[in-house]
Amino acid sequence: MNRRGFIGGLAAATLAAPGKVGAQTGAETGIFAPDHPLQPAWAAWKAACLSPEGRVIDGFQQSASHSEGQGYGLTLAAMFGDAAAAAAIAAWTEANLALRDDALLA
């Protein structure tokens, strides 16, 4: 299994099995409940760093996008149970960073 397949599978499993992950905290999806104090921070991060298309924008790197940032965003989306953000990030990553023949993201 390559890294892309593993990350995508991990995100899908996290979002598809909310009872197993969320049961630890009482949340219905993700790790953090909808009323968790970090929810506003997630909303602020998305507003500052995530385009509507799913591109994670690194403002400290001349607004570049890279696999590390996409993976970070995908992890956060899974933790907060944000299936729409996870799907957008995964789709943008596959469309724009899956350019190499060796299955590594650009």
PDB file of N, CA and C in Angstrom:
ATOM      1  N   MET A   1       0.846  -1.180   0.000  1.00  0.00           N
ATOM      2  CA  MET A   1       0.000   0.000   0.000  1.00  0.00           C
ATOM      3  C   MET A   1       0.887   1.237   0.000  1.00  0.00           C
ATOM      4  N   ASN A   2       0.555   2.194  -0.862  1.00  0.00           N
ATOM      5  CA  ASN A   2       1.343   3.419  -0.898  1.00  0.00           C
ATOM      6  C   ASN A   2       0.792   4.441   0.100  1.00  0.00           C
ATOM      7  N   ARG A   3       1.520   5.528   0.278  1.00  0.00           N
ATOM      8  CA  ARG A   3       1.155   6.545   1.261  1.00  0.00           C
ATOM      9  C   ARG A   3      -0.200   7.168   0.962  1.00  0.00           C
ATOM     10  N   ARG A   4      -0.483   7.443  -0.317  1.00  0.00           N
ATOM     11  CA  ARG A   4      -1.774   8.040  -0.664  1.00  0.00           C
ATOM     12  C   ARG A   4      -2.922   7.119  -0.283  1.00  0.00           C
ATOM     13  N   GLY A   5      -2.772   5.854  -0.592  1.00  0.00           N
ATOM     14  CA  GLY A   5      -3.819   4.894  -0.260  1.00  0.00           C
ATOM     15  C   GLY A   5      -4.027   4.767   1.237  1.00  0.00           C
ATOM     16  N   PHE A   6      -2.937   4.779   1.985  1.00  0.00           N
ATOM     17  CA  PHE A   6      -3.020   4.678   3.435  1.00  0.00           C
ATOM     18  C   PHE A   6      -3.722   5.892   4.034  1.00  0.00           C
ATOM     19  N   ILE A   7      -3.320   7.101   3.619  1.00  0.00           N
ATOM     20  CA  ILE A   7      -3.919   8.321   4.164  1.00  0.00           C
ATOM     21  C   ILE A   7      -5.394   8.403   3.804  1.00  0.00           C
ATOM     22  N   GLY A   8      -5.718   8.113   2.567  1.00  0.00           N
ATOM     23  CA  GLY A   8      -7.117   8.146   2.157  1.00  0.00           C
ATOM     24  C   GLY A   8      -7.947   7.121   2.898  1.00  0.00           C
ATOM     25  N   GLY A   9      -7.401   5.922   3.071  1.00  0.00           N
ATOM     26  CA  GLY A   9      -8.106   4.878   3.805  1.00  0.00           C
ATOM     27  C   GLY A   9      -8.289   5.226   5.272  1.00  0.00           C
ATOM     28  N   LEU A  10      -7.276   5.819   5.866  1.00  0.00           N
ATOM     29  CA  LEU A  10      -7.359   6.229   7.259  1.00  0.00           C
ATOM     30  C   LEU A  10      -8.445   7.280   7.457  1.00  0.00           C
ATOM     31  N   ALA A  11      -8.464   8.270   6.582  1.00  0.00           N
ATOM     32  CA  ALA A  11      -9.485   9.309   6.684  1.00  0.00           C
ATOM     33  C   ALA A  11     -10.873   8.719   6.487  1.00  0.00           C
ATOM     34  N   ALA A  12     -11.025   7.850   5.496  1.00  0.00           N
ATOM     35  CA  ALA A  12     -12.326   7.240   5.238  1.00  0.00           C
ATOM     36  C   ALA A  12     -12.773   6.391   6.420  1.00  0.00           C
ATOM     37  N   ALA A  13     -11.856   5.637   6.997  1.00  0.00           N
ATOM     38  CA  ALA A  13     -12.208   4.797   8.141  1.00  0.00           C
ATOM     39  C   ALA A  13     -12.603   5.635   9.347  1.00  0.00           C
ATOM     40  N   THR A  14     -11.894   6.724   9.558  1.00  0.00           N
ATOM     41  CA  THR A  14     -12.216   7.595  10.686  1.00  0.00           C
ATOM     42  C   THR A  14     -13.590   8.218  10.528  1.00  0.00           C
ATOM     43  N   LEU A  15     -13.907   8.675   9.322  1.00  0.00           N
ATOM     44  CA  LEU A  15     -15.191   9.309   9.086  1.00  0.00           C
ATOM     45  C   LEU A  15     -16.332   8.299   8.998  1.00  0.00           C
ATOM     46  N   ALA A  16     -16.046   7.080   8.570  1.00  0.00           N
ATOM     47  CA  ALA A  16     -17.085   6.075   8.389  1.00  0.00           C
ATOM     48  C   ALA A  16     -17.437   5.357   9.682  1.00  0.00           C
ATOM     49  N   ALA A  17     -16.575   5.420  10.679  1.00  0.00           N
ATOM     50  CA  ALA A  17     -16.814   4.688  11.917  1.00  0.00           C
ATOM     51  C   ALA A  17     -16.940   5.629  13.103  1.00  0.00           C
ATOM     52  N   PRO A  18     -17.898   6.577  13.049  1.00  0.00           N
ATOM     53  CA  PRO A  18     -17.983   7.555  14.128  1.00  0.00           C
ATOM     54  C   PRO A  18     -18.303   6.946  15.480  1.00  0.00           C
ATOM     55  N   GLY A  19     -19.028   5.845  15.515  1.00  0.00           N
ATOM     56  CA  GLY A  19     -19.360   5.237  16.790  1.00  0.00           C
ATOM     57  C   GLY A  19     -18.131   4.761  17.528  1.00  0.00           C
ATOM     58  N   LYS A  20     -17.157   4.239  16.811  1.00  0.00           N
ATOM     59  CA  LYS A  20     -15.954   3.719  17.446  1.00  0.00           C
ATOM     60  C   LYS A  20     -15.041   4.842  17.909  1.00  0.00           C
ATOM     61  N   VAL A  21     -14.868   5.861  17.079  1.00  0.00           N
ATOM     62  CA  VAL A  21     -13.987   6.968  17.450  1.00  0.00           C
ATOM     63  C   VAL A  21     -14.684   7.892  18.431  1.00  0.00           C
ATOM     64  N   GLY A  22     -15.899   8.302  18.078  1.00  0.00           N
ATOM     65  CA  GLY A  22     -16.628   9.266  18.893  1.00  0.00           C
ATOM     66  C   GLY A  22     -17.112   8.717  20.221  1.00  0.00           C
ATOM     67  N   ALA A  23     -17.214   7.386  20.353  1.00  0.00           N
ATOM     68  CA  ALA A  23     -17.711   6.803  21.589  1.00  0.00           C
ATOM     69  C   ALA A  23     -16.825   7.166  22.772  1.00  0.00           C
ATOM     70  N   GLN A  24     -15.563   7.465  22.501  1.00  0.00           N
ATOM     71  CA  GLN A  24     -14.656   7.809  23.582  1.00  0.00           C
ATOM     72  C   GLN A  24     -14.983   9.167  24.185  1.00  0.00           C
ATOM     73  N   THR A  25     -15.577  10.069  23.404  1.00  0.00           N
ATOM     74  CA  THR A  25     -15.837  11.419  23.881  1.00  0.00           C
ATOM     75  C   THR A  25     -17.310  11.788  23.862  1.00  0.00           C
ATOM     76  N   GLY A  26     -18.143  10.912  23.339  1.00  0.00           N
ATOM     77  CA  GLY A  26     -19.557  11.223  23.234  1.00  0.00           C
ATOM     78  C   GLY A  26     -19.905  11.923  21.944  1.00  0.00           C
ATOM     79  N   ALA A  27     -18.941  12.158  21.081  1.00  0.00           N
ATOM     80  CA  ALA A  27     -19.203  12.822  19.808  1.00  0.00           C
ATOM     81  C   ALA A  27     -19.876  11.844  18.847  1.00  0.00           C
ATOM     82  N   GLU A  28     -20.670  12.369  17.950  1.00  0.00           N
ATOM     83  CA  GLU A  28     -21.304  11.510  16.949  1.00  0.00           C
ATOM     84  C   GLU A  28     -20.357  11.235  15.793  1.00  0.00           C
ATOM     85  N   THR A  29     -19.474  12.158  15.488  1.00  0.00           N
ATOM     86  CA  THR A  29     -18.489  11.953  14.436  1.00  0.00           C
ATOM     87  C   THR A  29     -17.177  12.551  14.877  1.00  0.00           C
ATOM     88  N   GLY A  30     -16.100  12.027  14.338  1.00  0.00           N
ATOM     89  CA  GLY A  30     -14.784  12.558  14.665  1.00  0.00           C
ATOM     90  C   GLY A  30     -14.427  12.321  16.117  1.00  0.00           C
ATOM     91  N   ILE A  31     -13.372  12.939  16.543  1.00  0.00           N
ATOM     92  CA  ILE A  31     -12.897  12.803  17.916  1.00  0.00           C
ATOM     93  C   ILE A  31     -13.490  13.891  18.799  1.00  0.00           C
ATOM     94  N   PHE A  32     -13.701  15.066  18.225  1.00  0.00           N
ATOM     95  CA  PHE A  32     -14.191  16.208  18.991  1.00  0.00           C
ATOM     96  C   PHE A  32     -15.693  16.389  18.784  1.00  0.00           C
ATOM     97  N   ALA A  33     -16.427  16.505  19.870  1.00  0.00           N
ATOM     98  CA  ALA A  33     -17.874  16.722  19.819  1.00  0.00           C
ATOM     99  C   ALA A  33     -18.181  18.055  19.154  1.00  0.00           C
ATOM    100  N   PRO A  34     -19.384  18.197  18.584  1.00  0.00           N
ATOM    101  CA  PRO A  34     -19.745  19.460  17.930  1.00  0.00           C
ATOM    102  C   PRO A  34     -19.667  20.679  18.847  1.00  0.00           C
ATOM    103  N   ASP A  35     -19.784  20.479  20.160  1.00  0.00           N
ATOM    104  CA  ASP A  35     -19.698  21.604  21.095  1.00  0.00           C
ATOM    105  C   ASP A  35     -18.333  21.703  21.782  1.00  0.00           C
ATOM    106  N   HIS A  36     -17.344  20.970  21.268  1.00  0.00           N
ATOM    107  CA  HIS A  36     -16.002  20.998  21.861  1.00  0.00           C
ATOM    108  C   HIS A  36     -15.401  22.396  21.727  1.00  0.00           C
ATOM    109  N   PRO A  37     -14.647  22.856  22.722  1.00  0.00           N
ATOM    110  CA  PRO A  37     -14.057  24.198  22.667  1.00  0.00           C
ATOM    111  C   PRO A  37     -13.113  24.438  21.486  1.00  0.00           C
ATOM    112  N   LEU A  38     -12.599  23.387  20.853  1.00  0.00           N
ATOM    113  CA  LEU A  38     -11.706  23.572  19.705  1.00  0.00           C
ATOM    114  C   LEU A  38     -12.453  23.745  18.381  1.00  0.00           C
ATOM    115  N   GLN A  39     -13.757  23.569  18.368  1.00  0.00           N
ATOM    116  CA  GLN A  39     -14.512  23.737  17.119  1.00  0.00           C
ATOM    117  C   GLN A  39     -14.323  25.126  16.505  1.00  0.00           C
ATOM    118  N   PRO A  40     -14.343  26.216  17.291  1.00  0.00           N
ATOM    119  CA  PRO A  40     -14.080  27.528  16.684  1.00  0.00           C
ATOM    120  C   PRO A  40     -12.675  27.637  16.075  1.00  0.00           C
ATOM    121  N   ALA A  41     -11.696  26.969  16.686  1.00  0.00           N
ATOM    122  CA  ALA A  41     -10.334  26.990  16.132  1.00  0.00           C
ATOM    123  C   ALA A  41     -10.309  26.268  14.782  1.00  0.00           C
ATOM    124  N   TRP A  42     -11.039  25.158  14.650  1.00  0.00           N
ATOM    125  CA  TRP A  42     -11.126  24.436  13.386  1.00  0.00           C
ATOM    126  C   TRP A  42     -11.769  25.323  12.327  1.00  0.00           C
ATOM    127  N   ALA A  43     -12.839  26.002  12.683  1.00  0.00           N
ATOM    128  CA  ALA A  43     -13.505  26.904  11.738  1.00  0.00           C
ATOM    129  C   ALA A  43     -12.570  28.036  11.314  1.00  0.00           C
ATOM    130  N   ALA A  44     -11.802  28.574  12.255  1.00  0.00           N
ATOM    131  CA  ALA A  44     -10.860  29.649  11.935  1.00  0.00           C
ATOM    132  C   ALA A  44      -9.740  29.138  11.032  1.00  0.00           C
ATOM    133  N   TRP A  45      -9.224  27.925  11.305  1.00  0.00           N
ATOM    134  CA  TRP A  45      -8.175  27.361  10.457  1.00  0.00           C
ATOM    135  C   TRP A  45      -8.685  27.160   9.044  1.00  0.00           C
ATOM    136  N   LYS A  46      -9.890  26.626   8.906  1.00  0.00           N
ATOM    137  CA  LYS A  46     -10.454  26.428   7.563  1.00  0.00           C
ATOM    138  C   LYS A  46     -10.600  27.760   6.837  1.00  0.00           C
ATOM    139  N   ALA A  47     -11.065  28.783   7.526  1.00  0.00           N
ATOM    140  CA  ALA A  47     -11.238  30.087   6.894  1.00  0.00           C
ATOM    141  C   ALA A  47      -9.901  30.677   6.451  1.00  0.00           C
ATOM    142  N   ALA A  48      -8.852  30.442   7.222  1.00  0.00           N
ATOM    143  CA  ALA A  48      -7.550  31.022   6.915  1.00  0.00           C
ATOM    144  C   ALA A  48      -6.727  30.190   5.938  1.00  0.00           C
ATOM    145  N   CYS A  49      -6.885  28.874   5.954  1.00  0.00           N
ATOM    146  CA  CYS A  49      -5.940  28.011   5.229  1.00  0.00           C
ATOM    147  C   CYS A  49      -6.538  27.074   4.198  1.00  0.00           C
ATOM    148  N   LEU A  50      -7.854  26.948   4.125  1.00  0.00           N
ATOM    149  CA  LEU A  50      -8.462  25.966   3.241  1.00  0.00           C
ATOM    150  C   LEU A  50      -9.338  26.655   2.198  1.00  0.00           C
ATOM    151  N   SER A  51      -8.995  26.450   0.927  1.00  0.00           N
ATOM    152  CA  SER A  51      -9.825  27.011  -0.137  1.00  0.00           C
ATOM    153  C   SER A  51     -11.084  26.157  -0.287  1.00  0.00           C
ATOM    154  N   PRO A  52     -12.132  26.701  -0.887  1.00  0.00           N
ATOM    155  CA  PRO A  52     -13.354  25.915  -1.094  1.00  0.00           C
ATOM    156  C   PRO A  52     -13.117  24.648  -1.924  1.00  0.00           C
ATOM    157  N   GLU A  53     -12.088  24.659  -2.755  1.00  0.00           N
ATOM    158  CA  GLU A  53     -11.779  23.497  -3.598  1.00  0.00           C
ATOM    159  C   GLU A  53     -11.048  22.399  -2.835  1.00  0.00           C
ATOM    160  N   GLY A  54     -10.545  22.685  -1.619  1.00  0.00           N
ATOM    161  CA  GLY A  54      -9.819  21.698  -0.841  1.00  0.00           C
ATOM    162  C   GLY A  54      -8.320  21.892  -0.830  1.00  0.00           C
ATOM    163  N   ARG A  55      -7.859  23.012  -1.323  1.00  0.00           N
ATOM    164  CA  ARG A  55      -6.422  23.312  -1.326  1.00  0.00           C
ATOM    165  C   ARG A  55      -6.034  23.903   0.023  1.00  0.00           C
ATOM    166  N   VAL A  56      -5.076  23.270   0.701  1.00  0.00           N
ATOM    167  CA  VAL A  56      -4.538  23.815   1.943  1.00  0.00           C
ATOM    168  C   VAL A  56      -3.430  24.774   1.555  1.00  0.00           C
ATOM    169  N   ILE A  57      -3.575  26.024   1.969  1.00  0.00           N
ATOM    170  CA  ILE A  57      -2.663  27.092   1.568  1.00  0.00           C
ATOM    171  C   ILE A  57      -1.713  27.411   2.720  1.00  0.00           C
ATOM    172  N   ASP A  58      -0.430  27.284   2.467  1.00  0.00           N
ATOM    173  CA  ASP A  58       0.605  27.543   3.464  1.00  0.00           C
ATOM    174  C   ASP A  58       1.062  28.991   3.320  1.00  0.00           C
ATOM    175  N   GLY A  59       0.520  29.854   4.144  1.00  0.00           N
ATOM    176  CA  GLY A  59       0.834  31.275   4.085  1.00  0.00           C
ATOM    177  C   GLY A  59       2.276  31.605   4.435  1.00  0.00           C
ATOM    178  N   PHE A  60       2.957  30.696   5.138  1.00  0.00           N
ATOM    179  CA  PHE A  60       4.351  30.920   5.503  1.00  0.00           C
ATOM    180  C   PHE A  60       5.306  30.488   4.397  1.00  0.00           C
ATOM    181  N   GLN A  61       4.792  29.873   3.351  1.00  0.00           N
ATOM    182  CA  GLN A  61       5.603  29.379   2.232  1.00  0.00           C
ATOM    183  C   GLN A  61       5.112  29.992   0.915  1.00  0.00           C
ATOM    184  N   GLN A  62       4.912  31.287   0.885  1.00  0.00           N
ATOM    185  CA  GLN A  62       4.442  32.005  -0.304  1.00  0.00           C
ATOM    186  C   GLN A  62       3.141  31.412  -0.851  1.00  0.00           C
ATOM    187  N   SER A  63       2.241  31.031   0.047  1.00  0.00           N
ATOM    188  CA  SER A  63       0.932  30.471  -0.305  1.00  0.00           C
ATOM    189  C   SER A  63       1.031  29.198  -1.139  1.00  0.00           C
ATOM    190  N   ALA A  64       2.065  28.412  -0.892  1.00  0.00           N
ATOM    191  CA  ALA A  64       2.238  27.144  -1.596  1.00  0.00           C
ATOM    192  C   ALA A  64       1.298  26.092  -1.012  1.00  0.00           C
ATOM    193  N   SER A  65       1.109  25.039  -1.756  1.00  0.00           N
ATOM    194  CA  SER A  65       0.402  23.859  -1.265  1.00  0.00           C
ATOM    195  C   SER A  65       1.326  22.672  -1.455  1.00  0.00           C
ATOM    196  N   HIS A  66       1.367  21.788  -0.460  1.00  0.00           N
ATOM    197  CA  HIS A  66       2.256  20.640  -0.525  1.00  0.00           C
ATOM    198  C   HIS A  66       1.610  19.467   0.195  1.00  0.00           C
ATOM    199  N   SER A  67       2.167  18.304  -0.013  1.00  0.00           N
ATOM    200  CA  SER A  67       1.560  17.091   0.534  1.00  0.00           C
ATOM    201  C   SER A  67       1.469  17.132   2.059  1.00  0.00           C
ATOM    202  N   GLU A  68       2.441  17.728   2.715  1.00  0.00           N
ATOM    203  CA  GLU A  68       2.404  17.789   4.170  1.00  0.00           C
ATOM    204  C   GLU A  68       1.210  18.608   4.653  1.00  0.00           C
ATOM    205  N   GLY A  69       0.971  19.728   4.020  1.00  0.00           N
ATOM    206  CA  GLY A  69      -0.168  20.557   4.392  1.00  0.00           C
ATOM    207  C   GLY A  69      -1.492  19.876   4.104  1.00  0.00           C
ATOM    208  N   GLN A  70      -1.578  19.208   2.958  1.00  0.00           N
ATOM    209  CA  GLN A  70      -2.799  18.492   2.603  1.00  0.00           C
ATOM    210  C   GLN A  70      -3.059  17.372   3.623  1.00  0.00           C
ATOM    211  N   GLY A  71      -1.992  16.671   4.013  1.00  0.00           N
ATOM    212  CA  GLY A  71      -2.147  15.610   5.004  1.00  0.00           C
ATOM    213  C   GLY A  71      -2.573  16.156   6.357  1.00  0.00           C
ATOM    214  N   TYR A  72      -2.026  17.297   6.741  1.00  0.00           N
ATOM    215  CA  TYR A  72      -2.394  17.936   7.999  1.00  0.00           C
ATOM    216  C   TYR A  72      -3.871  18.321   7.971  1.00  0.00           C
ATOM    217  N   GLY A  73      -4.298  18.935   6.881  1.00  0.00           N
ATOM    218  CA  GLY A  73      -5.703  19.320   6.755  1.00  0.00           C
ATOM    219  C   GLY A  73      -6.624  18.118   6.773  1.00  0.00           C
ATOM    220  N   LEU A  74      -6.235  17.055   6.103  1.00  0.00           N
ATOM    221  CA  LEU A  74      -7.039  15.840   6.072  1.00  0.00           C
ATOM    222  C   LEU A  74      -7.140  15.225   7.469  1.00  0.00           C
ATOM    223  N   THR A  75      -6.051  15.245   8.218  1.00  0.00           N
ATOM    224  CA  THR A  75      -6.071  14.729   9.585  1.00  0.00           C
ATOM    225  C   THR A  75      -6.999  15.551  10.464  1.00  0.00           C
ATOM    226  N   LEU A  76      -6.906  16.875  10.360  1.00  0.00           N
ATOM    227  CA  LEU A  76      -7.792  17.731  11.143  1.00  0.00           C
ATOM    228  C   LEU A  76      -9.252  17.504  10.772  1.00  0.00           C
ATOM    229  N   ALA A  77      -9.543  17.401   9.480  1.00  0.00           N
ATOM    230  CA  ALA A  77     -10.925  17.175   9.041  1.00  0.00           C
ATOM    231  C   ALA A  77     -11.462  15.870   9.627  1.00  0.00           C
ATOM    232  N   ALA A  78     -10.644  14.834   9.654  1.00  0.00           N
ATOM    233  CA  ALA A  78     -11.074  13.558  10.228  1.00  0.00           C
ATOM    234  C   ALA A  78     -11.302  13.686  11.733  1.00  0.00           C
ATOM    235  N   MET A  79     -10.414  14.392  12.423  1.00  0.00           N
ATOM    236  CA  MET A  79     -10.557  14.555  13.867  1.00  0.00           C
ATOM    237  C   MET A  79     -11.821  15.317  14.231  1.00  0.00           C
ATOM    238  N   PHE A  80     -12.186  16.297  13.400  1.00  0.00           N
ATOM    239  CA  PHE A  80     -13.369  17.092  13.676  1.00  0.00           C
ATOM    240  C   PHE A  80     -14.621  16.521  13.011  1.00  0.00           C
ATOM    241  N   GLY A  81     -14.491  15.386  12.325  1.00  0.00           N
ATOM    242  CA  GLY A  81     -15.638  14.751  11.695  1.00  0.00           C
ATOM    243  C   GLY A  81     -16.212  15.557  10.553  1.00  0.00           C
ATOM    244  N   ASP A  82     -15.375  16.317   9.872  1.00  0.00           N
ATOM    245  CA  ASP A  82     -15.809  17.190   8.780  1.00  0.00           C
ATOM    246  C   ASP A  82     -15.633  16.450   7.449  1.00  0.00           C
ATOM    247  N   ALA A  83     -16.642  15.650   7.097  1.00  0.00           N
ATOM    248  CA  ALA A  83     -16.559  14.822   5.893  1.00  0.00           C
ATOM    249  C   ALA A  83     -16.445  15.664   4.628  1.00  0.00           C
ATOM    250  N   ALA A  84     -17.118  16.793   4.576  1.00  0.00           N
ATOM    251  CA  ALA A  84     -17.066  17.647   3.385  1.00  0.00           C
ATOM    252  C   ALA A  84     -15.659  18.197   3.173  1.00  0.00           C
ATOM    253  N   ALA A  85     -15.024  18.663   4.243  1.00  0.00           N
ATOM    254  CA  ALA A  85     -13.665  19.179   4.122  1.00  0.00           C
ATOM    255  C   ALA A  85     -12.697  18.058   3.744  1.00  0.00           C
ATOM    256  N   ALA A  86     -12.853  16.886   4.356  1.00  0.00           N
ATOM    257  CA  ALA A  86     -11.980  15.762   4.038  1.00  0.00           C
ATOM    258  C   ALA A  86     -12.101  15.361   2.576  1.00  0.00           C
ATOM    259  N   ALA A  87     -13.317  15.295   2.077  1.00  0.00           N
ATOM    260  CA  ALA A  87     -13.530  14.925   0.675  1.00  0.00           C
ATOM    261  C   ALA A  87     -12.921  15.960  -0.265  1.00  0.00           C
ATOM    262  N   ALA A  88     -13.096  17.239   0.059  1.00  0.00           N
ATOM    263  CA  ALA A  88     -12.536  18.302  -0.784  1.00  0.00           C
ATOM    264  C   ALA A  88     -11.010  18.260  -0.779  1.00  0.00           C
ATOM    265  N   ILE A  89     -10.415  18.068   0.388  1.00  0.00           N
ATOM    266  CA  ILE A  89      -8.954  18.015   0.490  1.00  0.00           C
ATOM    267  C   ILE A  89      -8.415  16.820  -0.288  1.00  0.00           C
ATOM    268  N   ALA A  90      -9.026  15.670  -0.108  1.00  0.00           N
ATOM    269  CA  ALA A  90      -8.566  14.462  -0.810  1.00  0.00           C
ATOM    270  C   ALA A  90      -8.696  14.624  -2.322  1.00  0.00           C
ATOM    271  N   ALA A  91      -9.816  15.179  -2.782  1.00  0.00           N
ATOM    272  CA  ALA A  91     -10.032  15.356  -4.224  1.00  0.00           C
ATOM    273  C   ALA A  91      -9.026  16.345  -4.812  1.00  0.00           C
ATOM    274  N   TRP A  92      -8.803  17.482  -4.129  1.00  0.00           N
ATOM    275  CA  TRP A  92      -7.839  18.473  -4.642  1.00  0.00           C
ATOM    276  C   TRP A  92      -6.438  17.874  -4.676  1.00  0.00           C
ATOM    277  N   THR A  93      -6.088  17.123  -3.644  1.00  0.00           N
ATOM    278  CA  THR A  93      -4.762  16.514  -3.581  1.00  0.00           C
ATOM    279  C   THR A  93      -4.550  15.552  -4.740  1.00  0.00           C
ATOM    280  N   GLU A  94      -5.509  14.678  -4.975  1.00  0.00           N
ATOM    281  CA  GLU A  94      -5.388  13.716  -6.074  1.00  0.00           C
ATOM    282  C   GLU A  94      -5.317  14.422  -7.425  1.00  0.00           C
ATOM    283  N   ALA A  95      -6.106  15.461  -7.599  1.00  0.00           N
ATOM    284  CA  ALA A  95      -6.148  16.159  -8.885  1.00  0.00           C
ATOM    285  C   ALA A  95      -4.904  16.995  -9.146  1.00  0.00           C
ATOM    286  N   ASN A  96      -4.255  17.491  -8.089  1.00  0.00           N
ATOM    287  CA  ASN A  96      -3.169  18.450  -8.287  1.00  0.00           C
ATOM    288  C   ASN A  96      -1.788  18.003  -7.827  1.00  0.00           C
ATOM    289  N   LEU A  97      -1.709  17.060  -6.917  1.00  0.00           N
ATOM    290  CA  LEU A  97      -0.403  16.650  -6.400  1.00  0.00           C
ATOM    291  C   LEU A  97      -0.021  15.224  -6.742  1.00  0.00           C
ATOM    292  N   ALA A  98      -0.933  14.470  -7.293  1.00  0.00           N
ATOM    293  CA  ALA A  98      -0.645  13.072  -7.685  1.00  0.00           C
ATOM    294  C   ALA A  98      -0.130  13.063  -9.112  1.00  0.00           C
ATOM    295  N   LEU A  99       1.058  13.604  -9.311  1.00  0.00           N
ATOM    296  CA  LEU A  99       1.622  13.790 -10.637  1.00  0.00           C
ATOM    297  C   LEU A  99       2.752  12.825 -10.964  1.00  0.00           C
ATOM    298  N   ARG A 100       3.310  12.206  -9.953  1.00  0.00           N
ATOM    299  CA  ARG A 100       4.513  11.374 -10.135  1.00  0.00           C
ATOM    300  C   ARG A 100       4.152   9.936 -10.467  1.00  0.00           C
ATOM    301  N   ASP A 101       5.053   9.250 -11.105  1.00  0.00           N
ATOM    302  CA  ASP A 101       4.847   7.853 -11.453  1.00  0.00           C
ATOM    303  C   ASP A 101       5.130   6.901 -10.296  1.00  0.00           C
ATOM    304  N   ASP A 102       5.794   7.385  -9.247  1.00  0.00           N
ATOM    305  CA  ASP A 102       6.170   6.512  -8.146  1.00  0.00           C
ATOM    306  C   ASP A 102       5.174   6.539  -6.982  1.00  0.00           C
ATOM    307  N   ALA A 103       3.983   7.073  -7.191  1.00  0.00           N
ATOM    308  CA  ALA A 103       2.894   7.123  -6.210  1.00  0.00           C
ATOM    309  C   ALA A 103       3.148   8.078  -5.055  1.00  0.00           C
ATOM    310  N   LEU A 104       4.208   8.881  -5.134  1.00  0.00           N
ATOM    311  CA  LEU A 104       4.432   9.906  -4.125  1.00  0.00           C
ATOM    312  C   LEU A 104       3.749  11.197  -4.577  1.00  0.00           C
ATOM    313  N   LEU A 105       3.215  11.925  -3.632  1.00  0.00           N
ATOM    314  CA  LEU A 105       2.591  13.199  -3.983  1.00  0.00           C
ATOM    315  C   LEU A 105       3.649  14.263  -4.213  1.00  0.00           C
ATOM    316  N   ALA A 106       3.415  15.137  -5.171  1.00  0.00           N
ATOM    317  CA  ALA A 106       4.361  16.207  -5.491  1.00  0.00           C
ATOM    318  C   ALA A 106       4.401  17.219  -4.364  1.00  0.00           C
TER     319      ALA A 106
END
